[in-house]
Amino acid sequence: MNENNPEHKQFDLGVLLSMTTGYLFCEFSKMHEAAEFVMGHPIWSHEFGMRETVDKLRSAVLLQHPDLIGIQPRRGDIRKDNWRSWLAQTKLSHGPETRTVTKGNQDRATVQERKG
């Protein structure tokens, strides 16, 4: 694969897990950049609070990296003082630390979906 291909990009595993677990394991700006790449369109910050956006994003990441299915911290396992160690352990057991992602072409959530 050509690493300079604009249709593919490398992202840290913590960034991808931020899009699939509901926990932020990186700077928000890195997760935001990856989310827009995965979906193939701009995402406004408030859209991360919309269930349909979160669900589509999670599905898009897991479709490309199905080995991440099931990696979900239990409620209360992630705290301000231990998230880095949880992420480091997860990277060791589920590496590699960076993953290639293909640029998406999904449409934004529609008004009908929001009312759904």
N, C-alpha and C. Protein backbone atom coordinates (compact mmCIF):
# COMPACT_ATOMS: atom_id res chain seq x y z
N MET A 1 0.85 -1.18 0.00
CA MET A 1 0.00 0.00 0.00
C MET A 1 0.89 1.24 0.00
N ASN A 2 0.55 2.20 -0.79
CA ASN A 2 1.28 3.45 -0.87
C ASN A 2 0.93 4.31 0.34
N GLU A 3 1.93 4.60 1.19
CA GLU A 3 1.67 5.37 2.40
C GLU A 3 1.34 6.83 2.10
N ASN A 4 1.61 7.29 0.89
CA ASN A 4 1.29 8.66 0.50
C ASN A 4 -0.07 8.76 -0.17
N ASN A 5 -0.81 7.68 -0.19
CA ASN A 5 -2.13 7.65 -0.80
C ASN A 5 -3.10 8.47 0.05
N PRO A 6 -3.74 9.50 -0.52
CA PRO A 6 -4.65 10.33 0.28
C PRO A 6 -5.91 9.59 0.71
N GLU A 7 -6.14 8.42 0.17
CA GLU A 7 -7.31 7.62 0.56
C GLU A 7 -7.03 6.76 1.79
N HIS A 8 -5.79 6.73 2.25
CA HIS A 8 -5.39 5.93 3.41
C HIS A 8 -4.58 6.80 4.36
N LYS A 9 -4.76 6.58 5.63
CA LYS A 9 -4.04 7.36 6.62
C LYS A 9 -3.80 6.49 7.86
N GLN A 10 -2.70 6.73 8.52
CA GLN A 10 -2.37 6.01 9.76
C GLN A 10 -2.89 6.79 10.97
N PHE A 11 -3.51 6.05 11.90
CA PHE A 11 -3.96 6.65 13.15
C PHE A 11 -3.55 5.76 14.31
N ASP A 12 -3.25 6.38 15.42
CA ASP A 12 -2.90 5.67 16.63
C ASP A 12 -4.09 4.85 17.12
N LEU A 13 -3.81 3.71 17.71
CA LEU A 13 -4.87 2.85 18.22
C LEU A 13 -5.74 3.58 19.24
N GLY A 14 -5.14 4.45 20.04
CA GLY A 14 -5.91 5.23 21.01
C GLY A 14 -6.93 6.14 20.36
N VAL A 15 -6.59 6.66 19.19
CA VAL A 15 -7.52 7.51 18.44
C VAL A 15 -8.71 6.67 17.97
N LEU A 16 -8.42 5.48 17.42
CA LEU A 16 -9.50 4.62 16.94
C LEU A 16 -10.38 4.14 18.10
N LEU A 17 -9.77 3.79 19.21
CA LEU A 17 -10.56 3.35 20.37
C LEU A 17 -11.40 4.50 20.94
N SER A 18 -10.95 5.72 20.75
CA SER A 18 -11.75 6.87 21.17
C SER A 18 -13.05 6.95 20.37
N MET A 19 -13.02 6.44 19.15
CA MET A 19 -14.22 6.48 18.30
C MET A 19 -15.11 5.25 18.49
N THR A 20 -14.61 4.23 19.17
CA THR A 20 -15.40 3.02 19.32
C THR A 20 -15.85 2.73 20.74
N THR A 21 -15.20 3.33 21.74
CA THR A 21 -15.50 2.98 23.13
C THR A 21 -16.32 4.02 23.87
N GLY A 22 -16.29 5.26 23.39
CA GLY A 22 -16.96 6.32 24.13
C GLY A 22 -16.05 6.99 25.15
N TYR A 23 -14.80 6.55 25.23
CA TYR A 23 -13.79 7.16 26.10
C TYR A 23 -12.78 7.86 25.21
N LEU A 24 -12.28 9.01 25.66
CA LEU A 24 -11.31 9.76 24.87
C LEU A 24 -9.89 9.38 25.32
N PHE A 25 -9.16 8.69 24.45
CA PHE A 25 -7.81 8.22 24.74
C PHE A 25 -6.75 9.02 23.99
N CYS A 26 -7.06 10.24 23.60
CA CYS A 26 -6.14 11.08 22.85
C CYS A 26 -6.66 12.51 22.94
N GLU A 27 -5.94 13.42 22.31
CA GLU A 27 -6.44 14.79 22.22
C GLU A 27 -7.70 14.78 21.36
N PHE A 28 -8.68 15.59 21.75
CA PHE A 28 -9.92 15.64 21.00
C PHE A 28 -9.67 15.97 19.54
N SER A 29 -8.73 16.87 19.26
CA SER A 29 -8.46 17.28 17.87
C SER A 29 -7.99 16.11 17.02
N LYS A 30 -7.24 15.18 17.60
CA LYS A 30 -6.78 14.01 16.84
C LYS A 30 -7.95 13.08 16.54
N MET A 31 -8.82 12.90 17.51
CA MET A 31 -9.99 12.06 17.29
C MET A 31 -10.91 12.70 16.26
N HIS A 32 -11.06 14.03 16.34
CA HIS A 32 -11.92 14.76 15.41
C HIS A 32 -11.39 14.62 13.98
N GLU A 33 -10.09 14.78 13.81
CA GLU A 33 -9.48 14.62 12.48
C GLU A 33 -9.72 13.22 11.93
N ALA A 34 -9.51 12.22 12.76
CA ALA A 34 -9.71 10.84 12.32
C ALA A 34 -11.17 10.57 12.00
N ALA A 35 -12.07 11.11 12.80
CA ALA A 35 -13.50 10.90 12.56
C ALA A 35 -13.92 11.47 11.21
N GLU A 36 -13.45 12.66 10.89
CA GLU A 36 -13.79 13.26 9.60
C GLU A 36 -13.20 12.45 8.45
N PHE A 37 -12.02 11.89 8.64
CA PHE A 37 -11.40 11.08 7.60
C PHE A 37 -12.18 9.78 7.41
N VAL A 38 -12.50 9.12 8.50
CA VAL A 38 -13.23 7.85 8.45
C VAL A 38 -14.60 8.03 7.81
N MET A 39 -15.27 9.14 8.12
CA MET A 39 -16.61 9.36 7.59
C MET A 39 -16.57 9.99 6.20
N GLY A 40 -15.50 10.71 5.89
CA GLY A 40 -15.38 11.31 4.57
C GLY A 40 -16.09 12.64 4.44
N HIS A 41 -16.40 13.27 5.55
CA HIS A 41 -17.03 14.60 5.51
C HIS A 41 -16.75 15.31 6.83
N PRO A 42 -16.88 16.65 6.83
CA PRO A 42 -16.68 17.40 8.07
C PRO A 42 -17.71 17.00 9.13
N ILE A 43 -17.27 17.02 10.37
CA ILE A 43 -18.16 16.75 11.50
C ILE A 43 -18.01 17.91 12.47
N TRP A 44 -19.11 18.53 12.83
CA TRP A 44 -19.08 19.60 13.80
C TRP A 44 -19.00 18.99 15.19
N SER A 45 -18.37 19.68 16.10
CA SER A 45 -18.16 19.15 17.44
C SER A 45 -19.44 18.67 18.10
N HIS A 46 -20.52 19.42 17.95
CA HIS A 46 -21.77 19.03 18.61
C HIS A 46 -22.34 17.72 18.06
N GLU A 47 -21.93 17.35 16.84
CA GLU A 47 -22.44 16.11 16.25
C GLU A 47 -21.94 14.87 16.99
N PHE A 48 -20.84 15.00 17.73
CA PHE A 48 -20.36 13.87 18.51
C PHE A 48 -21.32 13.54 19.65
N GLY A 49 -22.24 14.42 19.95
CA GLY A 49 -23.27 14.17 20.94
C GLY A 49 -24.53 13.55 20.36
N MET A 50 -24.55 13.32 19.06
CA MET A 50 -25.72 12.74 18.40
C MET A 50 -25.53 11.24 18.25
N ARG A 51 -26.46 10.47 18.73
CA ARG A 51 -26.36 9.01 18.71
C ARG A 51 -26.08 8.47 17.30
N GLU A 52 -26.77 9.00 16.28
CA GLU A 52 -26.58 8.46 14.92
C GLU A 52 -25.16 8.72 14.40
N THR A 53 -24.59 9.86 14.77
CA THR A 53 -23.21 10.14 14.36
C THR A 53 -22.26 9.16 15.03
N VAL A 54 -22.42 8.98 16.32
CA VAL A 54 -21.56 8.08 17.09
C VAL A 54 -21.69 6.64 16.57
N ASP A 55 -22.92 6.22 16.32
CA ASP A 55 -23.14 4.86 15.83
C ASP A 55 -22.52 4.64 14.45
N LYS A 56 -22.70 5.60 13.54
CA LYS A 56 -22.11 5.48 12.20
C LYS A 56 -20.59 5.48 12.27
N LEU A 57 -20.04 6.32 13.11
CA LEU A 57 -18.60 6.40 13.27
C LEU A 57 -18.05 5.08 13.83
N ARG A 58 -18.65 4.58 14.87
CA ARG A 58 -18.22 3.32 15.47
C ARG A 58 -18.29 2.20 14.43
N SER A 59 -19.38 2.13 13.71
CA SER A 59 -19.54 1.09 12.69
C SER A 59 -18.48 1.20 11.60
N ALA A 60 -18.19 2.42 11.16
CA ALA A 60 -17.21 2.62 10.10
C ALA A 60 -15.81 2.17 10.54
N VAL A 61 -15.44 2.45 11.77
CA VAL A 61 -14.13 2.04 12.28
C VAL A 61 -14.09 0.52 12.43
N LEU A 62 -15.13 -0.06 13.03
CA LEU A 62 -15.13 -1.50 13.28
C LEU A 62 -15.24 -2.31 11.99
N LEU A 63 -15.83 -1.75 10.97
CA LEU A 63 -15.88 -2.42 9.67
C LEU A 63 -14.46 -2.59 9.11
N GLN A 64 -13.64 -1.58 9.30
CA GLN A 64 -12.26 -1.64 8.80
C GLN A 64 -11.33 -2.41 9.74
N HIS A 65 -11.68 -2.43 11.02
CA HIS A 65 -10.82 -3.10 12.01
C HIS A 65 -11.69 -3.95 12.95
N PRO A 66 -12.22 -5.05 12.44
CA PRO A 66 -13.12 -5.87 13.23
C PRO A 66 -12.47 -6.48 14.47
N ASP A 67 -11.14 -6.53 14.51
CA ASP A 67 -10.47 -7.05 15.70
C ASP A 67 -10.65 -6.14 16.91
N LEU A 68 -11.15 -4.92 16.69
CA LEU A 68 -11.40 -4.00 17.80
C LEU A 68 -12.77 -4.22 18.45
N ILE A 69 -13.60 -5.03 17.80
CA ILE A 69 -14.91 -5.33 18.38
C ILE A 69 -14.69 -6.03 19.72
N GLY A 70 -15.40 -5.60 20.70
CA GLY A 70 -15.28 -6.22 22.01
C GLY A 70 -14.28 -5.54 22.94
N ILE A 71 -13.47 -4.63 22.41
CA ILE A 71 -12.57 -3.88 23.29
C ILE A 71 -13.38 -2.73 23.88
N GLN A 72 -13.83 -2.92 25.08
CA GLN A 72 -14.68 -1.94 25.74
C GLN A 72 -14.39 -1.98 27.23
N PRO A 73 -13.84 -0.89 27.77
CA PRO A 73 -13.61 -0.88 29.21
C PRO A 73 -14.93 -0.99 29.97
N ARG A 74 -14.89 -1.68 31.09
CA ARG A 74 -16.09 -1.73 31.93
C ARG A 74 -16.28 -0.38 32.60
N ARG A 75 -17.52 -0.06 32.86
CA ARG A 75 -17.84 1.21 33.50
C ARG A 75 -17.05 1.31 34.81
N GLY A 76 -16.39 2.42 34.98
CA GLY A 76 -15.60 2.66 36.18
C GLY A 76 -14.15 2.23 36.07
N ASP A 77 -13.80 1.48 35.02
CA ASP A 77 -12.42 1.02 34.86
C ASP A 77 -11.49 2.13 34.39
N ILE A 78 -12.02 3.12 33.71
CA ILE A 78 -11.20 4.21 33.19
C ILE A 78 -11.40 5.45 34.05
N ARG A 79 -10.27 5.95 34.57
CA ARG A 79 -10.29 7.16 35.39
C ARG A 79 -9.16 8.08 34.93
N LYS A 80 -9.18 9.30 35.43
CA LYS A 80 -8.14 10.26 35.05
C LYS A 80 -6.74 9.74 35.39
N ASP A 81 -6.63 8.95 36.44
CA ASP A 81 -5.32 8.51 36.89
C ASP A 81 -4.84 7.20 36.25
N ASN A 82 -5.69 6.52 35.47
CA ASN A 82 -5.24 5.22 34.94
C ASN A 82 -5.49 5.00 33.45
N TRP A 83 -6.07 5.95 32.75
CA TRP A 83 -6.42 5.69 31.36
C TRP A 83 -5.20 5.42 30.49
N ARG A 84 -4.07 6.07 30.80
CA ARG A 84 -2.86 5.84 30.00
C ARG A 84 -2.35 4.41 30.17
N SER A 85 -2.40 3.89 31.39
CA SER A 85 -1.94 2.51 31.60
C SER A 85 -2.91 1.52 30.94
N TRP A 86 -4.22 1.80 30.99
CA TRP A 86 -5.19 0.93 30.31
C TRP A 86 -4.91 0.91 28.82
N LEU A 87 -4.67 2.07 28.24
CA LEU A 87 -4.39 2.16 26.81
C LEU A 87 -3.10 1.45 26.46
N ALA A 88 -2.05 1.63 27.26
CA ALA A 88 -0.76 0.96 26.99
C ALA A 88 -0.93 -0.55 27.02
N GLN A 89 -1.67 -1.06 27.99
CA GLN A 89 -1.90 -2.50 28.08
C GLN A 89 -2.72 -3.00 26.88
N THR A 90 -3.71 -2.21 26.48
CA THR A 90 -4.53 -2.59 25.33
C THR A 90 -3.71 -2.60 24.05
N LYS A 91 -2.80 -1.63 23.91
CA LYS A 91 -1.93 -1.61 22.74
C LYS A 91 -1.02 -2.84 22.71
N LEU A 92 -0.53 -3.26 23.88
CA LEU A 92 0.31 -4.45 23.93
C LEU A 92 -0.45 -5.70 23.52
N SER A 93 -1.68 -5.79 23.96
CA SER A 93 -2.45 -7.01 23.69
C SER A 93 -3.20 -6.98 22.36
N HIS A 94 -3.41 -5.79 21.79
CA HIS A 94 -4.19 -5.69 20.55
C HIS A 94 -3.46 -4.90 19.47
N GLY A 95 -2.14 -4.71 19.60
CA GLY A 95 -1.36 -3.94 18.65
C GLY A 95 -1.76 -4.22 17.21
N PRO A 96 -1.22 -3.59 16.22
CA PRO A 96 -0.16 -2.61 16.31
C PRO A 96 -0.64 -1.26 16.85
N GLU A 97 0.33 -0.43 17.23
CA GLU A 97 -0.02 0.85 17.82
C GLU A 97 -0.68 1.80 16.84
N THR A 98 -0.36 1.69 15.56
CA THR A 98 -1.03 2.51 14.55
C THR A 98 -1.71 1.59 13.56
N ARG A 99 -2.80 2.10 13.02
CA ARG A 99 -3.59 1.34 12.07
C ARG A 99 -3.86 2.19 10.84
N THR A 100 -3.93 1.54 9.69
CA THR A 100 -4.27 2.23 8.45
C THR A 100 -5.79 2.26 8.32
N VAL A 101 -6.29 3.43 7.98
CA VAL A 101 -7.72 3.63 7.80
C VAL A 101 -7.95 4.13 6.38
N THR A 102 -9.00 3.63 5.77
CA THR A 102 -9.40 4.08 4.44
C THR A 102 -10.40 5.23 4.58
N LYS A 103 -10.21 6.24 3.78
CA LYS A 103 -11.11 7.40 3.82
C LYS A 103 -12.53 6.99 3.45
N GLY A 104 -13.48 7.46 4.23
CA GLY A 104 -14.88 7.12 4.01
C GLY A 104 -15.56 8.03 3.02
N ASN A 105 -16.79 7.67 2.70
CA ASN A 105 -17.61 8.49 1.80
C ASN A 105 -19.06 8.49 2.29
N GLN A 106 -19.24 8.42 3.59
CA GLN A 106 -20.59 8.36 4.14
C GLN A 106 -21.25 9.73 4.14
N ASP A 107 -22.56 9.70 4.05
CA ASP A 107 -23.35 10.92 4.14
C ASP A 107 -23.56 11.30 5.59
N ARG A 108 -23.85 12.56 5.79
CA ARG A 108 -24.19 13.02 7.14
C ARG A 108 -25.50 12.37 7.57
N ALA A 109 -25.73 12.35 8.88
CA ALA A 109 -27.01 11.88 9.40
C ALA A 109 -28.11 12.80 8.87
N THR A 110 -29.21 12.23 8.44
CA THR A 110 -30.28 13.02 7.88
C THR A 110 -31.26 13.45 8.96
N VAL A 111 -32.06 14.44 8.66
CA VAL A 111 -33.07 14.90 9.60
C VAL A 111 -34.02 13.75 9.94
N GLN A 112 -34.37 12.93 8.96
CA GLN A 112 -35.25 11.80 9.19
C GLN A 112 -34.66 10.84 10.21
N GLU A 113 -33.34 10.56 10.11
CA GLU A 113 -32.66 9.68 11.06
C GLU A 113 -32.70 10.28 12.45
N ARG A 114 -32.55 11.61 12.53
CA ARG A 114 -32.56 12.27 13.84
C ARG A 114 -33.91 12.15 14.51
N LYS A 115 -34.99 12.18 13.73
CA LYS A 115 -36.32 12.08 14.30
C LYS A 115 -36.65 10.64 14.66
N GLY A 116 -36.00 9.70 13.94
CA GLY A 116 -36.19 8.30 13.95
C GLY A 116 -36.62 7.62 15.12
